[in-house]
Amino acid sequence: MTGNIQLLSDTLAAAKAENRAALIAYLPAGFPTVDGGIAAIKAVFDGGADVVEVGLPHSDPVLDGPVIQTADDIALRGGVKIADVMRTVREAHEATGKPVLVMTYWNPIDRYGIERFTEELAEAGGAGCILPDLPVQESAVWREHADKHGLATVFVVAPSSKDERLATITAAGSGFVYAASLMGVTGTRESVGEQAADLVRRTRATSELPVCVGLGVSNATQAKEVAGFADGVIVGSAFVQRILDADGDEAAGLTAVRELAAELAEGVRRVS
């Protein structure tokens, strides 16, 4: 069974052919429950997301801000397991036919087993993994297994990354490059800033991979701004916050994330 890296590439290429950026949403598995999380992902796809990143909840996140940490805590307290993450990927992909990735820190994969993880993710129809804390120089074994199973390996670059380092990272990655718009953790921001545009420009100079920008985008105006210079717009905390704001009302939460996805999808399609 091979994963869906080609579907991911085709989806990003299709957005580019439409002269727009792709909308990539992030939601953690198991939040607010496993079933509720799957329903939320389907709602986000219904609203207009092109790709979804499923977060593997982790007790010691380094990139995630307080909103996603809160969601992860809820999921972990609910007993979410890697099997639930795989189920989330499988059901979200089967229901929509769209690319679904997993965003995870390295420790859970290391403990679970690289071969087991990649084989199960491919079998579930996953498109790949975003690995924010796996150093490129230590990623060879992971990439070997990911390649064997048809999975993308998406690395994260930051404004602090030097040009030589960017070239090393993009040469090892596949699928797309995740460009962190600023130094810091996830969360909504008033503005995304010029750092992100400069990082995209420098990253593109090293690779033909699509460059997608995350950290800070929360509304259609910001989505439009980022879509003006990036191949994809990544939104996470804003979706999670909508579910938290629903305060246990699942129907209200699903409506809220579907509406946000529609607003953001409109944003990435606006012509200046």
Protein backbone atom coordinates (compact mmCIF):
# COMPACT_ATOMS: atom_id res chain seq x y z
CA MET A 1 0.00 0.00 0.00
CA THR A 2 1.44 3.34 -1.00
CA GLY A 3 0.60 6.70 0.48
CA ASN A 4 -0.81 9.72 -1.26
CA ILE A 5 2.16 12.01 -1.85
CA GLN A 6 1.09 12.26 -5.51
CA LEU A 7 -2.40 13.37 -4.51
CA LEU A 8 -0.82 16.08 -2.35
CA SER A 9 1.39 17.26 -5.21
CA ASP A 10 -1.50 17.20 -7.67
CA THR A 11 -3.72 19.17 -5.28
CA LEU A 12 -1.12 21.90 -4.81
CA ALA A 13 -0.48 21.99 -8.56
CA ALA A 14 -4.22 22.30 -9.25
CA ALA A 15 -4.47 25.31 -6.94
CA LYS A 16 -1.52 26.91 -8.72
CA ALA A 17 -3.19 26.24 -12.08
CA GLU A 18 -6.19 28.18 -10.77
CA ASN A 19 -3.82 31.07 -9.99
CA ARG A 20 -4.40 30.82 -6.26
CA ALA A 21 -2.84 29.48 -3.10
CA ALA A 22 -4.01 26.24 -1.53
CA LEU A 23 -5.81 26.36 1.80
CA ILE A 24 -4.28 23.96 4.32
CA ALA A 25 -6.06 23.46 7.63
CA TYR A 26 -4.75 21.94 10.85
CA LEU A 27 -6.78 20.15 13.51
CA PRO A 28 -5.57 17.76 16.23
CA ALA A 29 -6.80 14.17 16.28
CA GLY A 30 -9.00 13.34 19.25
CA PHE A 31 -10.26 16.89 19.70
CA PRO A 32 -12.80 17.36 21.11
CA THR A 33 -13.19 13.57 20.78
CA VAL A 34 -11.95 11.14 18.15
CA ASP A 35 -15.32 11.10 16.37
CA GLY A 36 -15.72 14.84 16.86
CA GLY A 37 -12.29 15.47 15.41
CA ILE A 38 -13.06 13.43 12.31
CA ALA A 39 -16.32 15.32 11.85
CA ALA A 40 -14.48 18.64 12.23
CA ILE A 41 -11.98 17.70 9.52
CA LYS A 42 -14.79 16.72 7.17
CA ALA A 43 -16.47 20.07 7.91
CA VAL A 44 -13.29 21.97 7.12
CA PHE A 45 -12.98 20.12 3.82
CA ASP A 46 -16.65 20.86 3.12
CA GLY A 47 -15.95 24.53 3.72
CA GLY A 48 -13.21 24.65 1.10
CA ALA A 49 -9.89 23.42 2.53
CA ASP A 50 -7.67 21.72 -0.03
CA VAL A 51 -5.45 19.82 2.41
CA VAL A 52 -5.71 18.98 6.11
CA GLU A 53 -2.92 18.39 8.61
CA VAL A 54 -3.96 16.07 11.44
CA GLY A 55 -2.05 16.88 14.60
CA LEU A 56 -0.75 14.00 16.70
CA PRO A 57 -1.32 15.34 20.23
CA HIS A 58 1.89 15.62 22.22
CA SER A 59 2.50 16.42 25.86
CA ASP A 60 5.59 18.55 25.27
CA PRO A 61 5.07 20.63 22.12
CA VAL A 62 7.73 23.10 20.99
CA LEU A 63 5.93 24.78 18.09
CA ASP A 64 2.37 24.91 19.39
CA GLY A 65 0.93 27.92 21.18
CA PRO A 66 -1.63 27.91 24.00
CA VAL A 67 -4.71 27.27 21.85
CA ILE A 68 -3.38 24.09 20.27
CA GLN A 69 -1.81 23.04 23.57
CA THR A 70 -5.29 23.25 25.14
CA ALA A 71 -6.74 21.06 22.39
CA ASP A 72 -3.89 18.56 22.71
CA ASP A 73 -4.47 18.36 26.46
CA ILE A 74 -8.16 17.63 25.89
CA ALA A 75 -7.27 14.91 23.38
CA LEU A 76 -4.65 13.34 25.62
CA ARG A 77 -6.96 13.37 28.62
CA GLY A 78 -9.48 11.63 26.40
CA GLY A 79 -6.98 8.85 25.84
CA VAL A 80 -6.14 9.46 22.17
CA LYS A 81 -3.66 6.98 20.73
CA ILE A 82 -1.70 6.74 17.48
CA ALA A 83 -4.30 4.22 16.30
CA ASP A 84 -6.89 7.00 16.65
CA VAL A 85 -4.69 9.32 14.59
CA MET A 86 -4.51 6.69 11.83
CA ARG A 87 -8.28 6.20 12.00
CA THR A 88 -8.76 9.96 11.71
CA VAL A 89 -6.56 10.09 8.61
CA ARG A 90 -8.31 7.10 7.05
CA GLU A 91 -11.87 8.28 7.61
CA ALA A 92 -11.15 11.89 6.60
CA HIS A 93 -9.45 10.81 3.38
CA GLU A 94 -12.01 8.13 2.49
CA ALA A 95 -14.88 10.57 3.01
CA THR A 96 -13.39 13.35 0.90
CA GLY A 97 -10.75 11.92 -1.42
CA LYS A 98 -8.48 14.79 -0.39
CA PRO A 99 -4.91 14.75 0.92
CA VAL A 100 -4.45 14.34 4.66
CA LEU A 101 -1.08 14.64 6.38
CA VAL A 102 0.01 14.05 9.96
CA MET A 103 1.88 16.76 11.85
CA THR A 104 3.86 15.24 14.68
CA TYR A 105 6.91 15.65 16.82
CA TRP A 106 9.55 13.00 16.45
CA ASN A 107 9.40 11.22 19.81
CA PRO A 108 6.03 9.46 19.27
CA ILE A 109 7.21 8.06 15.92
CA ASP A 110 10.55 6.98 17.39
CA ARG A 111 8.79 5.09 20.17
CA TYR A 112 6.13 3.61 17.87
CA GLY A 113 8.65 2.49 15.25
CA ILE A 114 9.41 4.19 11.94
CA GLU A 115 8.50 1.24 9.73
CA ARG A 116 5.28 0.57 11.63
CA PHE A 117 4.27 4.22 11.56
CA THR A 118 4.95 4.79 7.85
CA GLU A 119 3.32 1.52 6.83
CA GLU A 120 0.17 2.28 8.82
CA LEU A 121 -0.01 5.87 7.62
CA ALA A 122 0.26 4.79 4.00
CA GLU A 123 -2.36 2.08 4.54
CA ALA A 124 -4.68 4.74 6.00
CA GLY A 125 -4.32 6.82 2.84
CA GLY A 126 -2.10 9.47 4.40
CA ALA A 127 -0.14 11.82 2.18
CA GLY A 128 2.85 12.31 4.46
CA CYS A 129 4.18 13.90 7.62
CA ILE A 130 5.19 17.34 8.79
CA LEU A 131 8.06 16.93 11.25
CA PRO A 132 8.93 20.23 12.94
CA ASP A 133 11.59 18.92 15.32
CA LEU A 134 13.35 16.24 13.25
CA PRO A 135 16.79 17.56 12.21
CA VAL A 136 17.41 17.03 8.51
CA GLN A 137 20.82 15.55 9.21
CA GLU A 138 19.17 12.84 11.34
CA SER A 139 16.28 12.13 8.98
CA ALA A 140 17.76 9.62 6.52
CA VAL A 141 16.12 6.51 8.00
CA TRP A 142 12.75 8.24 8.22
CA ARG A 143 12.98 9.47 4.63
CA GLU A 144 13.94 6.03 3.37
CA HIS A 145 10.78 4.53 4.87
CA ALA A 146 8.59 7.47 3.86
CA ASP A 147 9.79 7.22 0.27
CA LYS A 148 9.19 3.48 0.23
CA HIS A 149 5.60 4.02 1.33
CA GLY A 150 4.78 7.00 -0.90
CA LEU A 151 4.70 9.59 1.88
CA ALA A 152 5.85 13.20 1.78
CA THR A 153 8.39 14.47 4.30
CA VAL A 154 7.62 18.12 5.02
CA PHE A 155 10.23 20.08 6.92
CA VAL A 156 9.78 23.45 8.62
CA VAL A 157 11.91 26.49 7.79
CA ALA A 158 11.98 29.73 9.76
CA PRO A 159 13.00 33.35 9.18
CA SER A 160 16.21 32.60 11.08
CA SER A 161 17.23 29.89 8.58
CA LYS A 162 20.29 30.92 6.58
CA ASP A 163 20.25 30.41 2.82
CA GLU A 164 22.69 27.48 2.98
CA ARG A 165 20.53 25.82 5.63
CA LEU A 166 17.40 26.40 3.53
CA ALA A 167 19.03 24.60 0.61
CA THR A 168 19.90 21.62 2.81
CA ILE A 169 16.36 21.40 4.19
CA THR A 170 14.55 21.76 0.87
CA ALA A 171 16.82 19.22 -0.83
CA ALA A 172 15.78 16.61 1.76
CA GLY A 173 12.07 17.44 1.84
CA SER A 174 9.17 16.46 -0.38
CA GLY A 175 5.53 17.47 -0.85
CA PHE A 176 5.98 21.08 0.16
CA VAL A 177 8.01 23.27 2.48
CA TYR A 178 6.35 24.58 5.64
CA ALA A 179 7.52 28.18 6.10
CA ALA A 180 6.97 29.46 9.64
CA SER A 181 6.00 33.09 9.16
CA LEU A 182 7.78 34.28 12.29
CA MET A 183 9.87 33.16 15.21
CA GLY A 184 7.66 31.79 17.97
CA VAL A 185 4.78 29.38 18.48
CA THR A 186 1.48 28.88 16.71
CA GLY A 187 -1.36 31.27 17.35
CA THR A 188 -3.36 33.99 15.68
CA ARG A 189 -1.63 37.31 15.03
CA GLU A 190 -2.73 40.79 14.03
CA SER A 191 -0.46 40.62 10.99
CA VAL A 192 1.73 38.04 9.32
CA GLY A 193 4.46 40.47 8.38
CA GLU A 194 7.14 40.92 5.76
CA GLN A 195 9.39 38.23 7.25
CA ALA A 196 7.16 35.58 5.73
CA ALA A 197 7.36 37.00 2.20
CA ASP A 198 11.15 37.22 2.45
CA LEU A 199 11.37 33.65 3.73
CA VAL A 200 9.22 32.38 0.84
CA ARG A 201 11.41 34.24 -1.65
CA ARG A 202 14.61 32.80 -0.17
CA THR A 203 13.16 29.29 0.06
CA ARG A 204 11.98 29.33 -3.56
CA ALA A 205 15.51 30.22 -4.61
CA THR A 206 16.61 26.80 -3.33
CA SER A 207 13.81 24.52 -4.52
CA GLU A 208 10.86 24.00 -6.86
CA LEU A 209 8.76 22.57 -4.03
CA PRO A 210 5.65 24.58 -3.16
CA VAL A 211 6.20 26.86 -0.17
CA CYS A 212 3.28 27.09 2.25
CA VAL A 213 3.12 29.61 5.08
CA GLY A 214 1.79 28.98 8.57
CA LEU A 215 1.74 30.58 12.04
CA GLY A 216 -0.52 33.54 12.52
CA VAL A 217 -3.14 33.39 9.76
CA SER A 218 -6.66 33.56 11.17
CA ASN A 219 -8.95 35.45 8.78
CA ALA A 220 -9.69 35.99 5.11
CA THR A 221 -7.74 39.26 4.92
CA GLN A 222 -4.58 37.60 6.19
CA ALA A 223 -5.19 34.60 3.96
CA LYS A 224 -5.37 36.92 0.96
CA GLU A 225 -2.15 38.65 2.03
CA VAL A 226 -0.22 35.39 2.35
CA ALA A 227 -1.78 33.95 -0.82
CA GLY A 228 -0.21 36.88 -2.64
CA PHE A 229 3.27 35.43 -2.18
CA ALA A 230 2.94 31.79 -1.03
CA ASP A 231 1.78 28.56 -2.65
CA GLY A 232 -0.31 27.59 0.36
CA VAL A 233 -1.84 29.21 3.43
CA ILE A 234 -1.80 27.12 6.62
CA VAL A 235 -4.35 27.82 9.37
CA GLY A 236 -4.57 25.93 12.65
CA SER A 237 -5.19 27.86 15.86
CA ALA A 238 -8.15 29.76 14.42
CA PHE A 239 -9.97 26.49 13.66
CA VAL A 240 -9.17 25.06 17.08
CA GLN A 241 -10.38 28.26 18.76
CA ARG A 242 -13.74 28.01 16.98
CA ILE A 243 -14.28 24.55 18.46
CA LEU A 244 -13.18 25.70 21.91
CA ASP A 245 -15.56 28.65 21.67
CA ALA A 246 -18.43 26.27 20.94
CA ASP A 247 -17.97 25.02 24.51
CA GLY A 248 -19.02 21.44 23.93
CA ASP A 249 -21.78 22.13 21.40
CA GLU A 250 -20.54 19.87 18.61
CA ALA A 251 -23.02 21.10 16.01
CA ALA A 252 -22.08 24.72 16.68
CA GLY A 253 -18.38 23.86 16.48
CA LEU A 254 -18.79 22.10 13.14
CA THR A 255 -20.74 25.03 11.73
CA ALA A 256 -18.09 27.43 12.96
CA VAL A 257 -15.13 25.62 11.39
CA ARG A 258 -17.02 25.07 8.14
CA GLU A 259 -17.80 28.80 7.95
CA LEU A 260 -14.21 29.76 8.76
CA ALA A 261 -12.91 27.42 6.06
CA ALA A 262 -15.30 29.03 3.56
CA GLU A 263 -14.10 32.53 4.52
CA LEU A 264 -10.44 31.52 4.21
CA ALA A 265 -11.09 29.68 0.93
CA GLU A 266 -12.59 32.90 -0.41
CA GLY A 267 -9.56 34.79 0.87
CA VAL A 268 -7.03 32.68 -1.03
CA ARG A 269 -9.10 33.14 -4.18
CA ARG A 270 -9.41 36.92 -4.06
CA VAL A 271 -7.83 38.85 -6.88
CA SER A 272 -6.03 42.00 -5.73
